[in-house]
Amino acid sequence: MEDDFSEEEFREACLDLKASAPAGRGWESLVESEGFEIYRRLEERTGLYEYKAFGNFKDCPPALCIDVYMDLDYRKQWDSYVKELYEKEIHGKLVVYWEVKYPFPMSNRDYVFVRDRRDLDLNGQTVHVILAKSCSKSKIPVKDSVIRVSNYRQSLVIESDGKNGCKVSMFYHDNPEGMIPSWLINWAAKNGVPNFLKDIQEACRNYPRRK
């Protein structure tokens, strides 16, 4: 399946997100929220932004954060925007299907993407890298009332903070397409990225009780 990730992609994502908070190269500081610094960079072709976030989950060790992020069944409980979410094997690879609720009168969006994880050794320290991107070919049909998102990318780097928590660095970009003004998409993303970080941190706190 041509959508597999290469080892080079994992290492490049790790080094990019492990670098100091972005300065220059078009990145600008956007907001500080929930202990995270969030930056954005305009993609000229679409008029939409890419996002990077850097921060700490002080009471969430790396293994727990990874378990919560990768557990799709649990996400259906803590993420109120999930309409449908599951994994399916296609061409011998696991593909994620994700339908996201949009407010009326807008149509829901859905994503079909591959994701994978690698644990890298960086200067003697273990760094966990999770990559996700849209899958160009799948057998999952498009629903009549839902718009398929074909340009979605996310990178997540998780490492110990040396205490009881973890340091998290995230890159995110998608194009929800359809007849939505770019200013509205950007406004939603500006609020959505901090809210997602807040929600996943709360989900980490509740996960041990679920287990």
N, C-alpha and C. Protein backbone atom coordinates (compact mmCIF):
# COMPACT_ATOMS: atom_id res chain seq x y z
N MET A 1 0.85 -1.19 0.00
CA MET A 1 0.00 0.00 0.00
C MET A 1 0.89 1.24 0.00
N GLU A 2 0.74 2.12 -0.97
CA GLU A 2 1.68 3.20 -1.17
C GLU A 2 1.62 4.27 -0.09
N ASP A 3 0.66 4.16 0.82
CA ASP A 3 0.52 5.18 1.84
C ASP A 3 1.32 4.87 3.10
N ASP A 4 2.15 3.83 3.07
CA ASP A 4 3.00 3.53 4.22
C ASP A 4 3.95 4.69 4.50
N PHE A 5 4.40 4.77 5.76
CA PHE A 5 5.38 5.78 6.14
C PHE A 5 6.78 5.18 6.08
N SER A 6 7.74 5.98 5.67
CA SER A 6 9.13 5.54 5.66
C SER A 6 9.79 5.88 6.98
N GLU A 7 10.89 5.20 7.27
CA GLU A 7 11.63 5.51 8.49
C GLU A 7 12.12 6.95 8.45
N GLU A 8 12.46 7.43 7.26
CA GLU A 8 12.93 8.80 7.13
C GLU A 8 11.83 9.80 7.52
N GLU A 9 10.58 9.50 7.18
CA GLU A 9 9.48 10.39 7.56
C GLU A 9 9.34 10.48 9.08
N PHE A 10 9.48 9.35 9.76
CA PHE A 10 9.41 9.37 11.22
C PHE A 10 10.54 10.22 11.81
N ARG A 11 11.74 10.03 11.30
CA ARG A 11 12.87 10.78 11.85
C ARG A 11 12.76 12.26 11.53
N GLU A 12 12.31 12.60 10.32
CA GLU A 12 12.16 14.01 9.97
C GLU A 12 11.10 14.69 10.83
N ALA A 13 9.97 13.99 11.06
CA ALA A 13 8.92 14.55 11.91
C ALA A 13 9.43 14.75 13.32
N CYS A 14 10.20 13.80 13.80
CA CYS A 14 10.74 13.88 15.16
C CYS A 14 11.68 15.07 15.28
N LEU A 15 12.62 15.20 14.36
CA LEU A 15 13.59 16.29 14.43
C LEU A 15 12.93 17.64 14.26
N ASP A 16 11.90 17.70 13.39
CA ASP A 16 11.20 18.96 13.17
C ASP A 16 10.47 19.41 14.42
N LEU A 17 9.76 18.48 15.08
CA LEU A 17 8.99 18.84 16.25
C LEU A 17 9.84 18.91 17.52
N LYS A 18 11.02 18.31 17.48
CA LYS A 18 11.93 18.41 18.63
C LYS A 18 12.73 19.70 18.61
N ALA A 19 12.73 20.38 17.47
CA ALA A 19 13.44 21.65 17.38
C ALA A 19 12.75 22.66 18.29
N SER A 20 13.43 23.73 18.58
CA SER A 20 12.84 24.76 19.43
C SER A 20 11.61 25.34 18.76
N ALA A 21 10.76 26.01 19.55
CA ALA A 21 9.53 26.60 19.02
C ALA A 21 9.84 27.36 17.75
N PRO A 22 9.02 27.19 16.71
CA PRO A 22 9.36 27.73 15.39
C PRO A 22 9.45 29.25 15.39
N ALA A 23 10.47 29.72 14.70
CA ALA A 23 10.63 31.16 14.50
C ALA A 23 11.04 31.36 13.04
N GLY A 24 10.42 32.31 12.39
CA GLY A 24 10.71 32.48 10.98
C GLY A 24 10.04 31.40 10.15
N ARG A 25 10.44 31.25 8.95
CA ARG A 25 9.89 30.27 8.00
C ARG A 25 8.37 30.37 7.90
N GLY A 26 7.83 31.54 8.21
CA GLY A 26 6.40 31.76 8.07
C GLY A 26 5.59 31.42 9.31
N TRP A 27 6.20 30.84 10.34
CA TRP A 27 5.46 30.48 11.55
C TRP A 27 5.26 31.70 12.44
N GLU A 28 4.06 31.82 13.01
CA GLU A 28 3.76 32.92 13.93
C GLU A 28 3.07 32.38 15.16
N SER A 29 3.34 33.02 16.31
CA SER A 29 2.71 32.62 17.56
C SER A 29 1.22 32.92 17.49
N LEU A 30 0.40 31.96 17.90
CA LEU A 30 -1.04 32.12 17.82
C LEU A 30 -1.68 32.32 19.18
N VAL A 31 -1.44 31.39 20.10
CA VAL A 31 -2.10 31.46 21.40
C VAL A 31 -1.36 30.54 22.38
N GLU A 32 -1.47 30.84 23.67
CA GLU A 32 -1.02 29.95 24.73
C GLU A 32 -2.25 29.45 25.46
N SER A 33 -2.37 28.13 25.61
CA SER A 33 -3.57 27.55 26.21
C SER A 33 -3.24 26.21 26.83
N GLU A 34 -3.75 26.00 28.06
CA GLU A 34 -3.59 24.71 28.75
C GLU A 34 -2.13 24.28 28.83
N GLY A 35 -1.24 25.25 29.01
CA GLY A 35 0.17 24.93 29.12
C GLY A 35 0.86 24.67 27.80
N PHE A 36 0.20 24.97 26.70
CA PHE A 36 0.76 24.76 25.37
C PHE A 36 0.95 26.09 24.65
N GLU A 37 2.03 26.17 23.87
CA GLU A 37 2.24 27.27 22.94
C GLU A 37 1.87 26.77 21.55
N ILE A 38 1.00 27.50 20.87
CA ILE A 38 0.49 27.06 19.57
C ILE A 38 0.88 28.08 18.51
N TYR A 39 1.40 27.57 17.40
CA TYR A 39 1.87 28.39 16.29
C TYR A 39 1.11 28.01 15.02
N ARG A 40 1.11 28.92 14.06
CA ARG A 40 0.48 28.62 12.78
C ARG A 40 1.30 29.19 11.63
N ARG A 41 1.09 28.59 10.44
CA ARG A 41 1.76 29.05 9.23
C ARG A 41 0.78 28.94 8.06
N LEU A 42 0.65 30.01 7.30
CA LEU A 42 -0.29 30.04 6.19
C LEU A 42 0.20 29.20 5.02
N GLU A 43 -0.71 28.37 4.50
CA GLU A 43 -0.46 27.65 3.26
C GLU A 43 -1.07 28.47 2.12
N GLU A 44 -0.22 29.10 1.33
CA GLU A 44 -0.67 30.07 0.34
C GLU A 44 -1.68 29.48 -0.64
N ARG A 45 -1.48 28.25 -1.03
CA ARG A 45 -2.32 27.65 -2.09
C ARG A 45 -3.77 27.55 -1.66
N THR A 46 -4.02 27.22 -0.40
CA THR A 46 -5.39 27.00 0.06
C THR A 46 -5.94 28.14 0.91
N GLY A 47 -5.05 29.01 1.42
CA GLY A 47 -5.49 30.04 2.34
C GLY A 47 -5.76 29.51 3.74
N LEU A 48 -5.35 28.28 4.00
CA LEU A 48 -5.54 27.65 5.31
C LEU A 48 -4.20 27.56 6.04
N TYR A 49 -4.27 27.28 7.33
CA TYR A 49 -3.07 27.26 8.15
C TYR A 49 -2.66 25.84 8.54
N GLU A 50 -1.35 25.69 8.73
CA GLU A 50 -0.78 24.53 9.42
C GLU A 50 -0.54 24.95 10.87
N TYR A 51 -0.58 23.98 11.78
CA TYR A 51 -0.45 24.30 13.20
C TYR A 51 0.63 23.43 13.86
N LYS A 52 1.33 24.04 14.81
CA LYS A 52 2.24 23.30 15.67
C LYS A 52 1.94 23.68 17.11
N ALA A 53 2.00 22.69 18.00
CA ALA A 53 1.74 22.93 19.41
C ALA A 53 2.83 22.25 20.24
N PHE A 54 3.27 22.94 21.29
CA PHE A 54 4.34 22.44 22.17
C PHE A 54 3.91 22.64 23.62
N GLY A 55 4.00 21.58 24.42
CA GLY A 55 3.61 21.73 25.83
C GLY A 55 3.84 20.47 26.62
N ASN A 56 3.26 20.44 27.82
CA ASN A 56 3.45 19.32 28.75
C ASN A 56 2.12 18.84 29.30
N PHE A 57 2.01 17.52 29.45
CA PHE A 57 0.96 16.92 30.27
C PHE A 57 1.65 16.48 31.56
N LYS A 58 1.52 17.28 32.60
CA LYS A 58 2.34 17.08 33.79
C LYS A 58 2.03 15.80 34.56
N ASP A 59 0.79 15.32 34.46
CA ASP A 59 0.41 14.13 35.23
C ASP A 59 0.10 12.94 34.33
N CYS A 60 0.66 12.94 33.14
CA CYS A 60 0.38 11.86 32.18
C CYS A 60 1.69 11.32 31.62
N PRO A 61 2.13 10.14 32.05
CA PRO A 61 3.37 9.57 31.51
C PRO A 61 3.22 9.22 30.03
N PRO A 62 4.32 9.11 29.29
CA PRO A 62 4.25 8.87 27.85
C PRO A 62 3.41 7.66 27.46
N ALA A 63 3.58 6.53 28.15
CA ALA A 63 2.86 5.31 27.77
C ALA A 63 1.35 5.52 27.86
N LEU A 64 0.90 6.24 28.88
CA LEU A 64 -0.52 6.50 29.04
C LEU A 64 -1.03 7.42 27.92
N CYS A 65 -0.28 8.45 27.60
CA CYS A 65 -0.68 9.38 26.55
C CYS A 65 -0.82 8.65 25.21
N ILE A 66 0.11 7.76 24.92
CA ILE A 66 0.06 6.99 23.68
C ILE A 66 -1.15 6.07 23.66
N ASP A 67 -1.40 5.39 24.78
CA ASP A 67 -2.56 4.49 24.85
C ASP A 67 -3.86 5.24 24.58
N VAL A 68 -4.00 6.42 25.18
CA VAL A 68 -5.22 7.20 25.01
C VAL A 68 -5.37 7.65 23.57
N TYR A 69 -4.28 8.13 22.97
CA TYR A 69 -4.34 8.62 21.60
C TYR A 69 -4.67 7.50 20.61
N MET A 70 -4.13 6.32 20.83
CA MET A 70 -4.31 5.22 19.88
C MET A 70 -5.62 4.46 20.09
N ASP A 71 -6.27 4.62 21.23
CA ASP A 71 -7.47 3.85 21.58
C ASP A 71 -8.71 4.51 20.95
N LEU A 72 -9.14 3.99 19.80
CA LEU A 72 -10.26 4.59 19.08
C LEU A 72 -11.58 4.39 19.82
N ASP A 73 -11.77 3.25 20.45
CA ASP A 73 -13.02 3.01 21.18
C ASP A 73 -13.16 4.02 22.32
N TYR A 74 -12.06 4.30 22.99
CA TYR A 74 -12.12 5.27 24.09
C TYR A 74 -12.38 6.68 23.56
N ARG A 75 -11.81 6.99 22.40
CA ARG A 75 -12.02 8.34 21.85
C ARG A 75 -13.50 8.60 21.57
N LYS A 76 -14.23 7.59 21.21
CA LYS A 76 -15.67 7.76 20.96
C LYS A 76 -16.40 8.18 22.23
N GLN A 77 -15.78 7.95 23.38
CA GLN A 77 -16.39 8.36 24.65
C GLN A 77 -16.05 9.80 25.02
N TRP A 78 -14.80 10.22 24.78
CA TRP A 78 -14.40 11.55 25.26
C TRP A 78 -14.45 12.64 24.20
N ASP A 79 -14.51 12.28 22.94
CA ASP A 79 -14.54 13.27 21.86
C ASP A 79 -15.97 13.43 21.35
N SER A 80 -16.61 14.52 21.71
CA SER A 80 -18.03 14.72 21.37
C SER A 80 -18.26 14.97 19.89
N TYR A 81 -17.19 15.21 19.12
CA TYR A 81 -17.34 15.47 17.69
C TYR A 81 -17.32 14.20 16.85
N VAL A 82 -17.05 13.07 17.47
CA VAL A 82 -16.98 11.81 16.73
C VAL A 82 -18.40 11.31 16.42
N LYS A 83 -18.67 11.12 15.14
CA LYS A 83 -19.92 10.50 14.70
C LYS A 83 -19.72 9.00 14.50
N GLU A 84 -18.60 8.64 13.87
CA GLU A 84 -18.27 7.23 13.62
C GLU A 84 -16.76 7.12 13.56
N LEU A 85 -16.22 6.04 14.13
CA LEU A 85 -14.77 5.87 14.19
C LEU A 85 -14.44 4.39 14.33
N TYR A 86 -13.64 3.87 13.40
CA TYR A 86 -13.26 2.47 13.47
C TYR A 86 -12.03 2.22 12.60
N GLU A 87 -11.41 1.05 12.80
CA GLU A 87 -10.30 0.60 11.95
C GLU A 87 -10.78 -0.53 11.05
N LYS A 88 -10.24 -0.59 9.85
CA LYS A 88 -10.59 -1.64 8.90
C LYS A 88 -9.33 -2.05 8.14
N GLU A 89 -9.19 -3.34 7.90
CA GLU A 89 -8.03 -3.81 7.14
C GLU A 89 -8.30 -3.71 5.65
N ILE A 90 -7.44 -3.01 4.94
CA ILE A 90 -7.55 -2.84 3.49
C ILE A 90 -6.19 -3.11 2.88
N HIS A 91 -6.13 -4.03 1.94
CA HIS A 91 -4.87 -4.40 1.29
C HIS A 91 -3.81 -4.80 2.32
N GLY A 92 -4.25 -5.46 3.38
CA GLY A 92 -3.32 -5.94 4.39
C GLY A 92 -2.86 -4.90 5.38
N LYS A 93 -3.42 -3.68 5.31
CA LYS A 93 -3.04 -2.60 6.21
C LYS A 93 -4.26 -2.09 6.96
N LEU A 94 -4.06 -1.66 8.22
CA LEU A 94 -5.15 -1.07 8.99
C LEU A 94 -5.34 0.38 8.59
N VAL A 95 -6.58 0.71 8.25
CA VAL A 95 -6.95 2.06 7.85
C VAL A 95 -8.01 2.56 8.83
N VAL A 96 -7.93 3.82 9.20
CA VAL A 96 -8.88 4.41 10.14
C VAL A 96 -9.95 5.17 9.36
N TYR A 97 -11.21 4.92 9.71
CA TYR A 97 -12.32 5.73 9.20
C TYR A 97 -12.84 6.59 10.34
N TRP A 98 -13.03 7.89 10.05
CA TRP A 98 -13.41 8.85 11.09
C TRP A 98 -14.40 9.85 10.51
N GLU A 99 -15.63 9.84 11.02
CA GLU A 99 -16.62 10.84 10.61
C GLU A 99 -16.78 11.86 11.73
N VAL A 100 -16.68 13.14 11.37
CA VAL A 100 -16.71 14.23 12.33
C VAL A 100 -18.02 15.01 12.19
N LYS A 101 -18.64 15.28 13.33
CA LYS A 101 -19.89 16.05 13.34
C LYS A 101 -19.59 17.52 13.04
N TYR A 102 -20.38 18.10 12.13
CA TYR A 102 -20.32 19.54 11.86
C TYR A 102 -21.67 20.16 12.21
N PRO A 103 -21.69 21.41 12.67
CA PRO A 103 -22.96 22.03 13.04
C PRO A 103 -23.86 22.27 11.82
N PHE A 104 -25.16 22.14 12.02
CA PHE A 104 -26.14 22.43 10.97
C PHE A 104 -25.97 23.89 10.53
N PRO A 105 -26.04 24.22 9.24
CA PRO A 105 -26.47 23.38 8.12
C PRO A 105 -25.32 22.74 7.35
N MET A 106 -24.10 22.73 7.92
CA MET A 106 -22.96 22.18 7.21
C MET A 106 -22.98 20.65 7.23
N SER A 107 -22.43 20.06 6.20
CA SER A 107 -22.34 18.60 6.11
C SER A 107 -21.21 18.08 6.99
N ASN A 108 -21.40 16.89 7.55
CA ASN A 108 -20.30 16.24 8.26
C ASN A 108 -19.14 15.98 7.31
N ARG A 109 -17.95 15.86 7.88
CA ARG A 109 -16.75 15.46 7.12
C ARG A 109 -16.31 14.08 7.58
N ASP A 110 -15.71 13.33 6.64
CA ASP A 110 -15.09 12.08 7.07
C ASP A 110 -13.68 11.96 6.51
N TYR A 111 -12.90 11.15 7.21
CA TYR A 111 -11.48 10.96 6.91
C TYR A 111 -11.22 9.47 6.77
N VAL A 112 -10.39 9.11 5.81
CA VAL A 112 -9.85 7.77 5.73
C VAL A 112 -8.33 7.93 5.72
N PHE A 113 -7.68 7.40 6.76
CA PHE A 113 -6.25 7.66 6.87
C PHE A 113 -5.51 6.48 7.47
N VAL A 114 -4.23 6.48 7.21
CA VAL A 114 -3.34 5.49 7.81
C VAL A 114 -2.57 6.18 8.93
N ARG A 115 -2.21 5.40 9.92
CA ARG A 115 -1.40 5.94 11.02
C ARG A 115 -0.44 4.85 11.47
N ASP A 116 0.67 5.27 12.03
CA ASP A 116 1.67 4.31 12.50
C ASP A 116 2.50 4.97 13.58
N ARG A 117 3.19 4.14 14.33
CA ARG A 117 3.98 4.60 15.47
C ARG A 117 5.38 3.99 15.43
N ARG A 118 6.37 4.78 15.80
CA ARG A 118 7.73 4.30 15.96
C ARG A 118 8.30 4.86 17.25
N ASP A 119 9.12 4.06 17.93
CA ASP A 119 9.85 4.52 19.09
C ASP A 119 11.30 4.70 18.66
N LEU A 120 11.76 5.95 18.66
CA LEU A 120 13.10 6.28 18.18
C LEU A 120 14.04 6.54 19.35
N ASP A 121 15.31 6.23 19.12
CA ASP A 121 16.36 6.55 20.08
C ASP A 121 17.03 7.82 19.60
N LEU A 122 16.85 8.89 20.37
CA LEU A 122 17.43 10.18 19.99
C LEU A 122 18.38 10.61 21.10
N ASN A 123 19.66 10.48 20.83
CA ASN A 123 20.70 10.83 21.82
C ASN A 123 20.49 10.11 23.14
N GLY A 124 20.14 8.82 23.04
CA GLY A 124 19.98 8.00 24.23
C GLY A 124 18.64 8.12 24.91
N GLN A 125 17.74 8.93 24.37
CA GLN A 125 16.42 9.11 24.95
C GLN A 125 15.36 8.53 24.01
N THR A 126 14.37 7.83 24.57
CA THR A 126 13.30 7.26 23.76
C THR A 126 12.27 8.34 23.43
N VAL A 127 11.99 8.48 22.15
CA VAL A 127 11.00 9.44 21.67
C VAL A 127 9.96 8.67 20.86
N HIS A 128 8.69 8.85 21.19
CA HIS A 128 7.61 8.15 20.54
C HIS A 128 7.02 9.05 19.46
N VAL A 129 6.94 8.54 18.24
CA VAL A 129 6.45 9.33 17.11
C VAL A 129 5.26 8.63 16.48
N ILE A 130 4.17 9.36 16.33
CA ILE A 130 2.96 8.84 15.68
C ILE A 130 2.65 9.72 14.48
N LEU A 131 2.51 9.10 13.32
CA LEU A 131 2.20 9.83 12.09
C LEU A 131 0.85 9.38 11.55
N ALA A 132 0.12 10.31 10.96
CA ALA A 132 -1.16 10.01 10.31
C ALA A 132 -1.29 10.87 9.06
N LYS A 133 -1.87 10.29 8.00
CA LYS A 133 -2.11 11.05 6.77
C LYS A 133 -3.23 10.39 5.99
N SER A 134 -3.87 11.20 5.16
CA SER A 134 -4.97 10.72 4.34
C SER A 134 -4.52 9.54 3.48
N CYS A 135 -5.42 8.59 3.32
CA CYS A 135 -5.16 7.41 2.49
C CYS A 135 -5.70 7.68 1.10
N SER A 136 -4.86 7.58 0.09
CA SER A 136 -5.26 7.96 -1.26
C SER A 136 -6.19 6.93 -1.91
N LYS A 137 -6.11 5.70 -1.49
CA LYS A 137 -6.96 4.66 -2.06
C LYS A 137 -7.56 3.82 -0.94
N SER A 138 -8.87 3.65 -0.97
CA SER A 138 -9.52 2.78 0.00
C SER A 138 -10.82 2.27 -0.60
N LYS A 139 -11.35 1.23 0.02
CA LYS A 139 -12.62 0.67 -0.43
C LYS A 139 -13.79 1.18 0.40
N ILE A 140 -13.55 2.20 1.21
CA ILE A 140 -14.61 2.76 2.03
C ILE A 140 -15.35 3.82 1.22
N PRO A 141 -16.60 3.58 0.86
CA PRO A 141 -17.31 4.52 -0.02
C PRO A 141 -17.62 5.84 0.67
N VAL A 142 -17.78 6.87 -0.15
CA VAL A 142 -18.17 8.19 0.35
C VAL A 142 -19.69 8.21 0.53
N LYS A 143 -20.13 8.68 1.69
CA LYS A 143 -21.56 8.78 1.96
C LYS A 143 -22.15 9.99 1.22
N ASP A 144 -23.42 9.87 0.84
CA ASP A 144 -24.07 10.93 0.09
C ASP A 144 -24.09 12.26 0.84
N SER A 145 -24.26 12.21 2.14
CA SER A 145 -24.44 13.44 2.92
C SER A 145 -23.17 13.91 3.62
N VAL A 146 -22.03 13.27 3.31
CA VAL A 146 -20.78 13.56 4.01
C VAL A 146 -19.70 13.93 2.99
N ILE A 147 -18.87 14.92 3.32
CA ILE A 147 -17.78 15.35 2.44
C ILE A 147 -16.48 14.66 2.88
N ARG A 148 -15.83 13.99 1.95
CA ARG A 148 -14.57 13.28 2.23
C ARG A 148 -13.40 14.27 2.23
N VAL A 149 -12.62 14.27 3.31
CA VAL A 149 -11.43 15.11 3.42
C VAL A 149 -10.25 14.32 2.86
N SER A 150 -9.60 14.88 1.85
CA SER A 150 -8.52 14.16 1.19
C SER A 150 -7.14 14.69 1.54
N ASN A 151 -7.07 15.78 2.30
CA ASN A 151 -5.78 16.37 2.67
C ASN A 151 -5.72 16.55 4.18
N TYR A 152 -5.21 15.53 4.86
CA TYR A 152 -5.12 15.54 6.31
C TYR A 152 -3.77 14.98 6.72
N ARG A 153 -3.09 15.69 7.63
CA ARG A 153 -1.79 15.23 8.13
C ARG A 153 -1.68 15.59 9.61
N GLN A 154 -1.13 14.66 10.37
CA GLN A 154 -0.86 14.93 11.78
C GLN A 154 0.39 14.18 12.21
N SER A 155 1.23 14.86 12.98
CA SER A 155 2.42 14.25 13.58
C SER A 155 2.39 14.53 15.06
N LEU A 156 2.77 13.52 15.85
CA LEU A 156 2.77 13.65 17.29
C LEU A 156 4.07 13.08 17.82
N VAL A 157 4.77 13.86 18.64
CA VAL A 157 6.00 13.41 19.28
C VAL A 157 5.79 13.47 20.78
N ILE A 158 6.02 12.36 21.45
CA ILE A 158 5.77 12.24 22.88
C ILE A 158 7.04 11.71 23.55
N GLU A 159 7.44 12.36 24.65
CA GLU A 159 8.63 11.91 25.38
C GLU A 159 8.46 12.24 26.85
N SER A 160 9.24 11.59 27.69
CA SER A 160 9.17 11.83 29.13
C SER A 160 9.65 13.25 29.45
N ASP A 161 9.02 13.83 30.47
CA ASP A 161 9.50 15.14 30.94
C ASP A 161 10.51 14.99 32.06
N GLY A 162 10.92 13.75 32.32
CA GLY A 162 11.90 13.48 33.38
C GLY A 162 11.28 13.37 34.75
N LYS A 163 9.95 13.55 34.82
CA LYS A 163 9.26 13.46 36.11
C LYS A 163 8.11 12.46 35.96
N ASN A 164 6.88 12.93 36.21
CA ASN A 164 5.72 12.04 36.13
C ASN A 164 4.86 12.28 34.89
N GLY A 165 5.30 13.17 34.02
CA GLY A 165 4.48 13.52 32.87
C GLY A 165 5.21 13.33 31.56
N CYS A 166 4.71 14.00 30.54
CA CYS A 166 5.33 13.88 29.22
C CYS A 166 5.31 15.23 28.51
N LYS A 167 6.27 15.38 27.61
CA LYS A 167 6.31 16.53 26.72
C LYS A 167 5.67 16.11 25.40
N VAL A 168 4.81 16.97 24.87
CA VAL A 168 4.07 16.65 23.65
C VAL A 168 4.30 17.75 22.63
N SER A 169 4.63 17.36 21.41
CA SER A 169 4.74 18.28 20.28
C SER A 169 3.85 17.75 19.17
N MET A 170 3.08 18.65 18.55
CA MET A 170 2.10 18.20 17.56
C MET A 170 2.10 19.10 16.33
N PHE A 171 2.00 18.49 15.16
CA PHE A 171 1.76 19.20 13.90
C PHE A 171 0.40 18.76 13.39
N TYR A 172 -0.39 19.72 12.83
CA TYR A 172 -1.72 19.38 12.35
C TYR A 172 -2.07 20.24 11.14
N HIS A 173 -2.66 19.60 10.14
CA HIS A 173 -3.20 20.35 8.99
C HIS A 173 -4.27 19.50 8.31
N ASP A 174 -5.39 20.14 7.97
CA ASP A 174 -6.34 19.49 7.08
C ASP A 174 -7.10 20.55 6.29
N ASN A 175 -7.72 20.11 5.23
CA ASN A 175 -8.54 20.98 4.38
C ASN A 175 -9.92 20.35 4.31
N PRO A 176 -10.91 20.91 5.06
CA PRO A 176 -12.23 20.28 5.11
C PRO A 176 -13.06 20.43 3.84
N GLU A 177 -12.55 21.25 2.90
CA GLU A 177 -13.17 21.36 1.58
C GLU A 177 -14.63 21.81 1.68
N GLY A 178 -15.35 21.71 0.57
CA GLY A 178 -16.73 22.17 0.58
C GLY A 178 -16.80 23.70 0.55
N MET A 179 -17.98 24.22 0.66
CA MET A 179 -18.22 25.66 0.55
C MET A 179 -18.17 26.34 1.92
N ILE A 180 -17.01 26.24 2.57
CA ILE A 180 -16.81 26.90 3.85
C ILE A 180 -15.74 27.97 3.66
N PRO A 181 -16.00 29.23 4.02
CA PRO A 181 -14.98 30.27 3.86
C PRO A 181 -13.72 29.93 4.65
N SER A 182 -12.56 30.26 4.08
CA SER A 182 -11.30 29.94 4.75
C SER A 182 -11.20 30.61 6.12
N TRP A 183 -11.77 31.83 6.27
CA TRP A 183 -11.70 32.51 7.57
C TRP A 183 -12.43 31.72 8.65
N LEU A 184 -13.55 31.06 8.26
CA LEU A 184 -14.31 30.29 9.23
C LEU A 184 -13.58 29.02 9.61
N ILE A 185 -12.94 28.37 8.62
CA ILE A 185 -12.15 27.17 8.90
C ILE A 185 -11.00 27.52 9.84
N ASN A 186 -10.32 28.63 9.56
CA ASN A 186 -9.19 29.04 10.39
C ASN A 186 -9.63 29.40 11.80
N TRP A 187 -10.79 30.04 11.93
CA TRP A 187 -11.32 30.38 13.25
C TRP A 187 -11.62 29.11 14.04
N ALA A 188 -12.23 28.13 13.38
CA ALA A 188 -12.56 26.87 14.05
C ALA A 188 -11.30 26.13 14.48
N ALA A 189 -10.28 26.14 13.61
CA ALA A 189 -9.03 25.46 13.96
C ALA A 189 -8.32 26.15 15.11
N LYS A 190 -8.37 27.50 15.12
CA LYS A 190 -7.72 28.26 16.19
C LYS A 190 -8.28 27.85 17.55
N ASN A 191 -9.58 27.58 17.60
CA ASN A 191 -10.21 27.15 18.85
C ASN A 191 -10.13 25.64 19.03
N GLY A 192 -10.16 24.91 17.92
CA GLY A 192 -10.21 23.46 17.99
C GLY A 192 -8.94 22.82 18.49
N VAL A 193 -7.78 23.36 18.09
CA VAL A 193 -6.51 22.76 18.51
C VAL A 193 -6.34 22.85 20.03
N PRO A 194 -6.52 24.02 20.66
CA PRO A 194 -6.43 24.06 22.14
C PRO A 194 -7.47 23.17 22.82
N ASN A 195 -8.69 23.14 22.28
CA ASN A 195 -9.73 22.32 22.89
C ASN A 195 -9.38 20.84 22.81
N PHE A 196 -8.80 20.41 21.68
CA PHE A 196 -8.40 19.01 21.54
C PHE A 196 -7.34 18.66 22.58
N LEU A 197 -6.36 19.54 22.77
CA LEU A 197 -5.30 19.28 23.74
C LEU A 197 -5.87 19.21 25.16
N LYS A 198 -6.83 20.08 25.46
CA LYS A 198 -7.48 20.05 26.76
C LYS A 198 -8.25 18.76 26.95
N ASP A 199 -8.99 18.34 25.92
CA ASP A 199 -9.81 17.13 26.03
C ASP A 199 -8.97 15.87 26.17
N ILE A 200 -7.88 15.79 25.43
CA ILE A 200 -7.07 14.56 25.51
C ILE A 200 -6.34 14.50 26.85
N GLN A 201 -5.99 15.65 27.42
CA GLN A 201 -5.38 15.64 28.75
C GLN A 201 -6.38 15.15 29.79
N GLU A 202 -7.63 15.59 29.69
CA GLU A 202 -8.65 15.12 30.60
C GLU A 202 -8.92 13.63 30.39
N ALA A 203 -8.89 13.19 29.12
CA ALA A 203 -9.08 11.77 28.82
C ALA A 203 -7.97 10.93 29.44
N CYS A 204 -6.76 11.45 29.47
CA CYS A 204 -5.65 10.74 30.11
C CYS A 204 -5.91 10.57 31.60
N ARG A 205 -6.46 11.59 32.23
CA ARG A 205 -6.73 11.50 33.67
C ARG A 205 -7.78 10.43 33.98
N ASN A 206 -8.72 10.24 33.08
CA ASN A 206 -9.81 9.29 33.32
C ASN A 206 -9.50 7.87 32.84
N TYR A 207 -8.49 7.72 32.03
CA TYR A 207 -8.21 6.42 31.40
C TYR A 207 -7.85 5.32 32.39
N PRO A 208 -7.04 5.57 33.40
CA PRO A 208 -6.71 4.49 34.34
C PRO A 208 -7.93 3.89 35.00
N ARG A 209 -8.93 4.73 35.32
CA ARG A 209 -10.14 4.21 35.95
C ARG A 209 -10.88 3.30 34.99
N ARG A 210 -10.86 3.64 33.70
CA ARG A 210 -11.51 2.80 32.69
C ARG A 210 -10.83 1.44 32.60
N LYS A 211 -9.50 1.44 32.69
CA LYS A 211 -8.75 0.17 32.61
C LYS A 211 -8.96 -0.66 33.86
